[in-house]
C-alpha atoms as a PDB file:
ATOM      1  CA  MET A   1     100.064 -88.714  77.465  1.00  0.00           C
ATOM      2  CA  ASN A   2     102.251 -86.109  79.191  1.00  0.00           C
ATOM      3  CA  ARG A   3     105.296 -85.879  76.919  1.00  0.00           C
ATOM      4  CA  ASP A   4     108.552 -84.065  77.477  1.00  0.00           C
ATOM      5  CA  VAL A   5     108.468 -80.547  76.034  1.00  0.00           C
ATOM      6  CA  VAL A   6     111.047 -79.290  73.545  1.00  0.00           C
ATOM      7  CA  VAL A   7     111.048 -75.510  73.102  1.00  0.00           C
ATOM      8  CA  VAL A   8     112.589 -74.050  69.941  1.00  0.00           C
ATOM      9  CA  ILE A   9     112.713 -70.256  69.864  1.00  0.00           C
ATOM     10  CA  GLY A  10     113.178 -68.961  66.325  1.00  0.00           C
ATOM     11  CA  VAL A  11     111.918 -70.866  63.287  1.00  0.00           C
ATOM     12  CA  GLY A  12     114.523 -69.832  60.728  1.00  0.00           C
ATOM     13  CA  GLY A  13     116.642 -72.375  58.909  1.00  0.00           C
ATOM     14  CA  MET A  14     118.537 -73.608  61.969  1.00  0.00           C
ATOM     15  CA  GLY A  15     115.443 -73.582  64.172  1.00  0.00           C
ATOM     16  CA  ARG A  16     113.484 -75.707  61.717  1.00  0.00           C
ATOM     17  CA  ALA A  17     116.305 -78.235  61.347  1.00  0.00           C
ATOM     18  CA  ILE A  18     116.665 -78.507  65.128  1.00  0.00           C
ATOM     19  CA  ALA A  19     112.915 -78.870  65.608  1.00  0.00           C
ATOM     20  CA  ARG A  20     112.812 -81.775  63.160  1.00  0.00           C
ATOM     21  CA  ARG A  21     115.797 -83.404  64.808  1.00  0.00           C
ATOM     22  CA  GLN A  22     114.627 -83.049  68.410  1.00  0.00           C
ATOM     23  CA  GLY A  23     110.840 -83.035  68.220  1.00  0.00           C
ATOM     24  CA  ALA A  24     109.901 -86.615  67.360  1.00  0.00           C
ATOM     25  CA  GLY A  25     107.990 -88.322  70.174  1.00  0.00           C
ATOM     26  CA  ARG A  26     107.910 -85.116  72.231  1.00  0.00           C
ATOM     27  CA  THR A  27     105.683 -82.073  72.490  1.00  0.00           C
ATOM     28  CA  LEU A  28     107.322 -79.443  70.295  1.00  0.00           C
ATOM     29  CA  LEU A  29     106.647 -75.835  71.279  1.00  0.00           C
ATOM     30  CA  LEU A  30     107.748 -73.411  68.571  1.00  0.00           C
ATOM     31  CA  ALA A  31     108.092 -69.704  69.299  1.00  0.00           C
ATOM     32  CA  ASP A  32     108.823 -66.725  67.067  1.00  0.00           C
ATOM     33  CA  VAL A  33     107.924 -63.078  66.602  1.00  0.00           C
ATOM     34  CA  ASP A  34     106.923 -63.748  62.958  1.00  0.00           C
ATOM     35  CA  GLN A  35     103.458 -65.285  63.184  1.00  0.00           C
ATOM     36  CA  ALA A  36     103.301 -66.225  59.509  1.00  0.00           C
ATOM     37  CA  ALA A  37     106.618 -68.102  59.668  1.00  0.00           C
ATOM     38  CA  LEU A  38     105.526 -69.739  62.907  1.00  0.00           C
ATOM     39  CA  ASP A  39     102.249 -70.942  61.408  1.00  0.00           C
ATOM     40  CA  SER A  40     103.793 -72.280  58.200  1.00  0.00           C
ATOM     41  CA  THR A  41     106.563 -74.129  60.057  1.00  0.00           C
ATOM     42  CA  ALA A  42     104.090 -75.672  62.488  1.00  0.00           C
ATOM     43  CA  GLU A  43     101.795 -76.753  59.662  1.00  0.00           C
ATOM     44  CA  ALA A  44     104.665 -78.452  57.825  1.00  0.00           C
ATOM     45  CA  LEU A  45     105.822 -80.298  60.947  1.00  0.00           C
ATOM     46  CA  ARG A  46     102.296 -81.395  61.866  1.00  0.00           C
ATOM     47  CA  GLY A  47     101.951 -82.775  58.358  1.00  0.00           C
ATOM     48  CA  ASP A  48     105.006 -84.926  59.063  1.00  0.00           C
ATOM     49  CA  GLY A  49     103.521 -86.312  62.266  1.00  0.00           C
ATOM     50  CA  TYR A  50     104.985 -84.004  64.911  1.00  0.00           C
ATOM     51  CA  ASP A  51     103.004 -82.879  67.968  1.00  0.00           C
ATOM     52  CA  VAL A  52     103.371 -79.109  67.598  1.00  0.00           C
ATOM     53  CA  ALA A  53     102.166 -76.100  69.549  1.00  0.00           C
ATOM     54  CA  THR A  54     103.054 -72.484  68.815  1.00  0.00           C
ATOM     55  CA  HIS A  55     103.539 -69.343  70.857  1.00  0.00           C
ATOM     56  CA  HIS A  56     104.137 -65.811  69.645  1.00  0.00           C
ATOM     57  CA  VAL A  57     107.087 -64.274  71.495  1.00  0.00           C
ATOM     58  CA  ASP A  58     109.112 -61.069  71.500  1.00  0.00           C
ATOM     59  CA  VAL A  59     112.402 -62.115  73.085  1.00  0.00           C
ATOM     60  CA  SER A  60     113.288 -58.511  73.919  1.00  0.00           C
ATOM     61  CA  SER A  61     110.338 -58.365  76.363  1.00  0.00           C
ATOM     62  CA  ARG A  62     110.657 -60.077  79.743  1.00  0.00           C
ATOM     63  CA  ALA A  63     106.886 -60.393  80.053  1.00  0.00           C
ATOM     64  CA  SER A  64     106.694 -62.085  76.667  1.00  0.00           C
ATOM     65  CA  VAL A  65     109.549 -64.508  77.427  1.00  0.00           C
ATOM     66  CA  ALA A  66     108.132 -65.276  80.871  1.00  0.00           C
ATOM     67  CA  GLY A  67     104.785 -66.036  79.238  1.00  0.00           C
ATOM     68  CA  LEU A  68     106.475 -68.462  76.864  1.00  0.00           C
ATOM     69  CA  ALA A  69     108.300 -70.199  79.723  1.00  0.00           C
ATOM     70  CA  ALA A  70     105.061 -70.544  81.678  1.00  0.00           C
ATOM     71  CA  ALA A  71     103.231 -71.922  78.626  1.00  0.00           C
ATOM     72  CA  ALA A  72     105.991 -74.479  78.115  1.00  0.00           C
ATOM     73  CA  ALA A  73     105.887 -75.610  81.755  1.00  0.00           C
ATOM     74  CA  GLU A  74     102.111 -76.012  81.597  1.00  0.00           C
ATOM     75  CA  ARG A  75     102.505 -78.571  78.807  1.00  0.00           C
ATOM     76  CA  GLY A  76     104.850 -80.884  80.694  1.00  0.00           C
ATOM     77  CA  ALA A  77     108.467 -81.281  81.735  1.00  0.00           C
ATOM     78  CA  VAL A  78     110.600 -78.755  79.854  1.00  0.00           C
ATOM     79  CA  THR A  79     113.552 -80.996  79.013  1.00  0.00           C
ATOM     80  CA  GLN A  80     115.070 -79.155  76.038  1.00  0.00           C
ATOM     81  CA  VAL A  81     115.269 -75.443  75.244  1.00  0.00           C
ATOM     82  CA  VAL A  82     116.945 -74.176  72.085  1.00  0.00           C
ATOM     83  CA  HIS A  83     117.249 -70.461  71.414  1.00  0.00           C
ATOM     84  CA  THR A  84     118.006 -69.662  67.762  1.00  0.00           C
ATOM     85  CA  ALA A  85     116.230 -66.312  67.387  1.00  0.00           C
ATOM     86  CA  GLY A  86     118.442 -63.455  66.269  1.00  0.00           C
ATOM     87  CA  LEU A  87     119.013 -60.585  63.868  1.00  0.00           C
ATOM     88  CA  SER A  88     122.079 -60.189  61.673  1.00  0.00           C
ATOM     89  CA  PRO A  89     123.724 -56.884  60.681  1.00  0.00           C
ATOM     90  CA  ALA A  90     122.196 -57.219  57.214  1.00  0.00           C
ATOM     91  CA  GLN A  91     118.697 -57.534  58.652  1.00  0.00           C
ATOM     92  CA  ALA A  92     118.413 -54.758  61.199  1.00  0.00           C
ATOM     93  CA  PRO A  93     120.063 -51.631  62.624  1.00  0.00           C
ATOM     94  CA  ALA A  94     122.274 -51.849  65.675  1.00  0.00           C
ATOM     95  CA  PRO A  95     119.643 -51.007  68.343  1.00  0.00           C
ATOM     96  CA  ALA A  96     117.397 -53.844  67.151  1.00  0.00           C
ATOM     97  CA  VAL A  97     120.344 -56.255  66.994  1.00  0.00           C
ATOM     98  CA  LEU A  98     121.239 -55.393  70.594  1.00  0.00           C
ATOM     99  CA  ARG A  99     117.654 -55.787  71.824  1.00  0.00           C
ATOM    100  CA  VAL A 100     117.172 -59.190  70.216  1.00  0.00           C
ATOM    101  CA  ASP A 101     120.654 -60.736  70.248  1.00  0.00           C
ATOM    102  CA  LEU A 102     121.947 -59.334  73.552  1.00  0.00           C
ATOM    103  CA  LEU A 103     118.942 -58.648  75.774  1.00  0.00           C
ATOM    104  CA  GLY A 104     116.835 -61.447  74.279  1.00  0.00           C
ATOM    105  CA  VAL A 105     119.343 -64.181  75.104  1.00  0.00           C
ATOM    106  CA  ALA A 106     119.772 -62.893  78.658  1.00  0.00           C
ATOM    107  CA  LEU A 107     116.003 -62.980  79.227  1.00  0.00           C
ATOM    108  CA  VAL A 108     115.616 -66.481  77.793  1.00  0.00           C
ATOM    109  CA  LEU A 109     118.413 -67.832  79.994  1.00  0.00           C
ATOM    110  CA  GLU A 110     116.862 -66.304  83.093  1.00  0.00           C
ATOM    111  CA  GLU A 111     113.224 -67.218  82.484  1.00  0.00           C
ATOM    112  CA  PHE A 112     113.837 -70.767  81.271  1.00  0.00           C
ATOM    113  CA  GLY A 113     116.351 -71.275  84.078  1.00  0.00           C
ATOM    114  CA  ARG A 114     113.302 -71.098  86.354  1.00  0.00           C
ATOM    115  CA  VAL A 115     111.275 -73.823  84.589  1.00  0.00           C
ATOM    116  CA  VAL A 116     113.735 -76.255  82.969  1.00  0.00           C
ATOM    117  CA  ALA A 117     113.231 -79.780  84.306  1.00  0.00           C
ATOM    118  CA  PRO A 118     115.832 -81.810  86.217  1.00  0.00           C
ATOM    119  CA  GLY A 119     117.955 -83.624  83.644  1.00  0.00           C
ATOM    120  CA  GLY A 120     117.045 -81.004  81.047  1.00  0.00           C
ATOM    121  CA  ALA A 121     119.387 -79.041  78.820  1.00  0.00           C
ATOM    122  CA  GLY A 122     119.491 -75.826  76.846  1.00  0.00           C
ATOM    123  CA  VAL A 123     121.423 -74.551  73.845  1.00  0.00           C
ATOM    124  CA  VAL A 124     121.837 -70.926  72.770  1.00  0.00           C
ATOM    125  CA  ILE A 125     122.888 -70.252  69.189  1.00  0.00           C
ATOM    126  CA  ALA A 126     125.632 -67.615  69.320  1.00  0.00           C
ATOM    127  CA  SER A 127     128.025 -67.005  66.392  1.00  0.00           C
ATOM    128  CA  MET A 128     131.655 -67.251  65.356  1.00  0.00           C
ATOM    129  CA  ALA A 129     131.449 -63.429  65.259  1.00  0.00           C
ATOM    130  CA  GLY A 130     131.788 -63.539  69.036  1.00  0.00           C
ATOM    131  CA  HIS A 131     135.224 -65.131  68.613  1.00  0.00           C
ATOM    132  CA  LEU A 132     136.547 -62.573  66.128  1.00  0.00           C
ATOM    133  CA  PRO A 133     136.389 -58.999  67.483  1.00  0.00           C
ATOM    134  CA  ALA A 134     139.151 -57.384  69.541  1.00  0.00           C
ATOM    135  CA  PRO A 135     139.082 -58.912  73.039  1.00  0.00           C
ATOM    136  CA  LEU A 136     137.096 -57.191  75.719  1.00  0.00           C
ATOM    137  CA  ASP A 137     138.902 -56.402  78.947  1.00  0.00           C
ATOM    138  CA  PRO A 138     138.125 -58.565  82.011  1.00  0.00           C
ATOM    139  CA  ARG A 139     135.867 -55.939  83.566  1.00  0.00           C
ATOM    140  CA  GLN A 140     133.745 -55.684  80.431  1.00  0.00           C
ATOM    141  CA  GLU A 141     133.463 -59.459  80.191  1.00  0.00           C
ATOM    142  CA  ARG A 142     132.302 -59.650  83.815  1.00  0.00           C
ATOM    143  CA  GLU A 143     129.729 -56.945  83.160  1.00  0.00           C
ATOM    144  CA  LEU A 144     128.382 -58.669  80.059  1.00  0.00           C
ATOM    145  CA  ALA A 145     128.148 -61.923  81.991  1.00  0.00           C
ATOM    146  CA  HIS A 146     126.504 -60.662  85.173  1.00  0.00           C
ATOM    147  CA  THR A 147     124.779 -57.310  84.593  1.00  0.00           C
ATOM    148  CA  PRO A 148     121.005 -57.622  85.178  1.00  0.00           C
ATOM    149  CA  ALA A 149     119.329 -58.184  81.820  1.00  0.00           C
ATOM    150  CA  GLU A 150     117.384 -54.922  81.760  1.00  0.00           C
ATOM    151  CA  GLU A 151     120.588 -52.931  82.357  1.00  0.00           C
ATOM    152  CA  LEU A 152     122.646 -54.517  79.566  1.00  0.00           C
ATOM    153  CA  LEU A 153     121.666 -51.951  76.957  1.00  0.00           C
ATOM    154  CA  ARG A 154     122.823 -49.172  79.282  1.00  0.00           C
ATOM    155  CA  LEU A 155     126.420 -50.410  79.439  1.00  0.00           C
ATOM    156  CA  PRO A 156     128.686 -47.692  77.973  1.00  0.00           C
ATOM    157  CA  TYR A 157     130.155 -49.952  75.281  1.00  0.00           C
ATOM    158  CA  ALA A 158     126.652 -50.892  74.136  1.00  0.00           C
ATOM    159  CA  GLY A 159     126.301 -47.246  73.103  1.00  0.00           C
ATOM    160  CA  GLY A 160     128.452 -44.969  70.957  1.00  0.00           C
ATOM    161  CA  GLU A 161     129.683 -46.651  67.781  1.00  0.00           C
ATOM    162  CA  THR A 162     128.270 -49.989  68.862  1.00  0.00           C
ATOM    163  CA  ALA A 163     124.778 -48.508  68.996  1.00  0.00           C
ATOM    164  CA  THR A 164     125.123 -47.225  65.415  1.00  0.00           C
ATOM    165  CA  ASP A 165     127.242 -49.944  63.773  1.00  0.00           C
ATOM    166  CA  ALA A 166     125.226 -53.147  63.339  1.00  0.00           C
ATOM    167  CA  GLY A 167     128.359 -55.244  62.803  1.00  0.00           C
ATOM    168  CA  ARG A 168     129.885 -54.089  66.090  1.00  0.00           C
ATOM    169  CA  ALA A 169     126.576 -54.631  67.864  1.00  0.00           C
ATOM    170  CA  TYR A 170     126.288 -58.173  66.507  1.00  0.00           C
ATOM    171  CA  SER A 171     129.824 -59.139  67.539  1.00  0.00           C
ATOM    172  CA  LEU A 172     129.344 -57.699  71.020  1.00  0.00           C
ATOM    173  CA  ALA A 173     126.012 -59.469  71.462  1.00  0.00           C
ATOM    174  CA  LYS A 174     127.367 -62.820  70.315  1.00  0.00           C
ATOM    175  CA  ARG A 175     130.372 -62.588  72.621  1.00  0.00           C
ATOM    176  CA  ALA A 176     127.964 -61.746  75.418  1.00  0.00           C
ATOM    177  CA  ASN A 177     125.860 -64.810  74.580  1.00  0.00           C
ATOM    178  CA  VAL A 178     128.808 -67.088  75.344  1.00  0.00           C
ATOM    179  CA  LEU A 179     129.545 -65.215  78.582  1.00  0.00           C
ATOM    180  CA  ARG A 180     125.889 -65.266  79.710  1.00  0.00           C
ATOM    181  CA  VAL A 181     125.676 -69.018  79.130  1.00  0.00           C
ATOM    182  CA  GLN A 182     128.792 -69.550  81.241  1.00  0.00           C
ATOM    183  CA  ALA A 183     127.322 -67.398  84.000  1.00  0.00           C
ATOM    184  CA  ALA A 184     123.921 -69.136  83.825  1.00  0.00           C
ATOM    185  CA  ALA A 185     125.313 -72.663  84.070  1.00  0.00           C
ATOM    186  CA  PRO A 186     125.480 -72.757  87.913  1.00  0.00           C
ATOM    187  CA  ALA A 187     121.848 -71.627  88.275  1.00  0.00           C
ATOM    188  CA  TRP A 188     120.693 -74.193  85.722  1.00  0.00           C
ATOM    189  CA  GLY A 189     122.806 -76.757  87.551  1.00  0.00           C
ATOM    190  CA  GLU A 190     120.896 -76.087  90.768  1.00  0.00           C
ATOM    191  CA  ARG A 191     117.853 -77.436  88.933  1.00  0.00           C
ATOM    192  CA  GLY A 192     119.826 -80.444  87.692  1.00  0.00           C
ATOM    193  CA  ALA A 193     119.996 -79.024  84.163  1.00  0.00           C
ATOM    194  CA  ARG A 194     122.742 -78.002  81.745  1.00  0.00           C
ATOM    195  CA  VAL A 195     123.127 -75.122  79.305  1.00  0.00           C
ATOM    196  CA  ASN A 196     125.664 -74.527  76.530  1.00  0.00           C
ATOM    197  CA  SER A 197     126.097 -72.374  73.442  1.00  0.00           C
ATOM    198  CA  ILE A 198     127.010 -73.088  69.833  1.00  0.00           C
ATOM    199  CA  SER A 199     128.879 -70.587  67.675  1.00  0.00           C
ATOM    200  CA  PRO A 200     128.042 -71.369  64.039  1.00  0.00           C
ATOM    201  CA  GLY A 201     130.151 -70.203  61.141  1.00  0.00           C
ATOM    202  CA  VAL A 202     128.659 -69.180  57.792  1.00  0.00           C
ATOM    203  CA  ILE A 203     125.544 -71.335  57.456  1.00  0.00           C
ATOM    204  CA  ALA A 204     123.473 -71.737  54.288  1.00  0.00           C
ATOM    205  CA  THR A 205     120.248 -70.296  55.681  1.00  0.00           C
ATOM    206  CA  PRO A 206     118.276 -67.319  54.357  1.00  0.00           C
ATOM    207  CA  MET A 207     120.040 -65.165  56.978  1.00  0.00           C
ATOM    208  CA  GLY A 208     123.443 -66.511  55.961  1.00  0.00           C
ATOM    209  CA  ARG A 209     122.801 -65.894  52.278  1.00  0.00           C
ATOM    210  CA  GLN A 210     121.669 -62.362  53.063  1.00  0.00           C
ATOM    211  CA  GLU A 211     124.930 -61.738  54.908  1.00  0.00           C
ATOM    212  CA  LEU A 212     126.961 -63.163  52.007  1.00  0.00           C
ATOM    213  CA  ALA A 213     125.217 -60.742  49.665  1.00  0.00           C
ATOM    214  CA  GLY A 214     125.900 -57.788  51.958  1.00  0.00           C
ATOM    215  CA  GLU A 215     128.897 -55.617  52.820  1.00  0.00           C
ATOM    216  CA  ALA A 216     130.662 -58.360  54.780  1.00  0.00           C
ATOM    217  CA  GLY A 217     130.143 -60.982  52.078  1.00  0.00           C
ATOM    218  CA  ARG A 218     133.616 -60.771  50.559  1.00  0.00           C
ATOM    219  CA  GLN A 219     135.364 -61.302  53.895  1.00  0.00           C
ATOM    220  CA  MET A 220     133.008 -64.120  54.805  1.00  0.00           C
ATOM    221  CA  ARG A 221     133.712 -65.945  51.535  1.00  0.00           C
ATOM    222  CA  ALA A 222     137.456 -65.537  52.058  1.00  0.00           C
ATOM    223  CA  MET A 223     137.138 -67.078  55.512  1.00  0.00           C
ATOM    224  CA  VAL A 224     135.148 -70.013  54.158  1.00  0.00           C
ATOM    225  CA  GLU A 225     137.605 -70.584  51.315  1.00  0.00           C
ATOM    226  CA  ALA A 226     140.560 -70.508  53.727  1.00  0.00           C
ATOM    227  CA  SER A 227     138.893 -72.806  56.259  1.00  0.00           C
ATOM    228  CA  ALA A 228     139.877 -76.447  56.619  1.00  0.00           C
ATOM    229  CA  THR A 229     136.509 -77.670  55.279  1.00  0.00           C
ATOM    230  CA  GLY A 230     136.235 -75.057  52.526  1.00  0.00           C
ATOM    231  CA  ARG A 231     132.443 -75.053  52.519  1.00  0.00           C
ATOM    232  CA  LEU A 232     129.403 -73.351  53.951  1.00  0.00           C
ATOM    233  CA  GLY A 233     127.750 -75.024  56.891  1.00  0.00           C
ATOM    234  CA  THR A 234     124.240 -76.445  56.660  1.00  0.00           C
ATOM    235  CA  PRO A 235     121.370 -76.208  59.139  1.00  0.00           C
ATOM    236  CA  ASP A 236     121.781 -79.944  59.704  1.00  0.00           C
ATOM    237  CA  ASP A 237     125.388 -79.380  60.812  1.00  0.00           C
ATOM    238  CA  ILE A 238     124.051 -77.171  63.591  1.00  0.00           C
ATOM    239  CA  ALA A 239     121.191 -79.566  64.372  1.00  0.00           C
ATOM    240  CA  ASP A 240     123.729 -82.390  64.776  1.00  0.00           C
ATOM    241  CA  ALA A 241     125.829 -80.336  67.206  1.00  0.00           C
ATOM    242  CA  THR A 242     122.700 -79.308  69.108  1.00  0.00           C
ATOM    243  CA  ALA A 243     121.557 -82.920  69.398  1.00  0.00           C
ATOM    244  CA  PHE A 244     124.912 -83.834  70.901  1.00  0.00           C
ATOM    245  CA  LEU A 245     124.845 -81.054  73.505  1.00  0.00           C
ATOM    246  CA  LEU A 246     121.238 -81.836  74.459  1.00  0.00           C
ATOM    247  CA  GLY A 247     121.745 -85.589  74.561  1.00  0.00           C
ATOM    248  CA  PRO A 248     123.064 -88.233  76.957  1.00  0.00           C
ATOM    249  CA  ALA A 249     126.596 -88.154  75.520  1.00  0.00           C
ATOM    250  CA  ALA A 250     127.056 -84.593  76.826  1.00  0.00           C
ATOM    251  CA  THR A 251     125.906 -84.932  80.437  1.00  0.00           C
ATOM    252  CA  PHE A 252     129.312 -83.707  81.700  1.00  0.00           C
ATOM    253  CA  ILE A 253     129.281 -80.617  79.475  1.00  0.00           C
ATOM    254  CA  THR A 254     127.760 -77.352  80.651  1.00  0.00           C
ATOM    255  CA  GLY A 255     128.619 -73.666  80.528  1.00  0.00           C
ATOM    256  CA  THR A 256     130.733 -74.034  77.403  1.00  0.00           C
ATOM    257  CA  ASP A 257     130.686 -72.897  73.781  1.00  0.00           C
ATOM    258  CA  LEU A 258     131.071 -75.225  70.798  1.00  0.00           C
ATOM    259  CA  LEU A 259     132.521 -73.514  67.715  1.00  0.00           C
ATOM    260  CA  VAL A 260     130.893 -75.135  64.657  1.00  0.00           C
ATOM    261  CA  ASP A 261     132.392 -73.109  61.834  1.00  0.00           C
ATOM    262  CA  GLY A 262     134.264 -75.533  59.574  1.00  0.00           C
ATOM    263  CA  GLY A 263     137.555 -74.112  60.799  1.00  0.00           C
ATOM    264  CA  ALA A 264     136.922 -70.493  59.739  1.00  0.00           C
ATOM    265  CA  VAL A 265     138.050 -68.950  63.030  1.00  0.00           C
ATOM    266  CA  ALA A 266     141.114 -71.190  63.030  1.00  0.00           C
ATOM    267  CA  ALA A 267     141.955 -69.876  59.553  1.00  0.00           C
ATOM    268  CA  VAL A 268     141.695 -66.288  60.782  1.00  0.00           C
ATOM    269  CA  ARG A 269     143.824 -66.914  63.850  1.00  0.00           C
ATOM    270  CA  SER A 270     146.469 -68.770  61.871  1.00  0.00           C
ATOM    271  CA  GLY A 271     146.607 -66.020  59.240  1.00  0.00           C
ATOM    272  CA  ALA A 272     145.444 -68.358  56.468  1.00  0.00           C
ATOM    273  CA  SER A 273     142.421 -66.204  55.648  1.00  0.00           C
ATOM    274  CA  GLY A 274     144.420 -63.018  55.147  1.00  0.00           C
ATOM    275  CA  ARG A 275     142.175 -61.303  57.722  1.00  0.00           C
ATOM    276  CA  PRO A 276     143.893 -59.849  60.796  1.00  0.00           C
END
């Protein structure tokens, strides 16, 4: 039976929750750079009755991402693509963050924009960090949205302090994710498909816990405590939002970003968090 194909790139906490939510009754293609994590996640899902295939991918390489897109298309109609892969400031230095979180998203949007099926949809996991830094000027936003993927890392503001400060690099990349999704929406629309982004807040994943234990942990806890919900998010919170954006209730939504942060950004903007 030729089933619809769901591609989940990144098998961390959010990726696994999304795969479980979206993969039932479909061919589930999991992709990650960490082969051990990929194998263990696939084994667990197969044990629960999912039809799972795996593909090793380096999202910072166009050839690697193009190979993943081709492998997905060979398995059937690519109806759902979810990109969760990323590095946080606590996990990697700035150059690696920029390669994976900035360049990687641009490549995935371009390559899967060539194979996504009519009626299909994509979701890119960005971050509330993209809503928090000082605003970019209009020229910079246009450049982040439209600069050819391979030239993104040569933009002047992707160098200097940004290229040495992992926090700055992460915020820039996540803002760019939202802008790239907006810019990609017309091309996806030409194929009869949609694409959106989600900006999670502080989520209780291994990456999130690592961030809470790092230099930014105190500020992150203050934001959570000041937020309207007053709690960390869960991977299922993000899986629920992803299911909505991929599903039939969201067929008039494309090129937009959904902030799923429990109200943390609202607390910052209102002054309730004490952070400027």
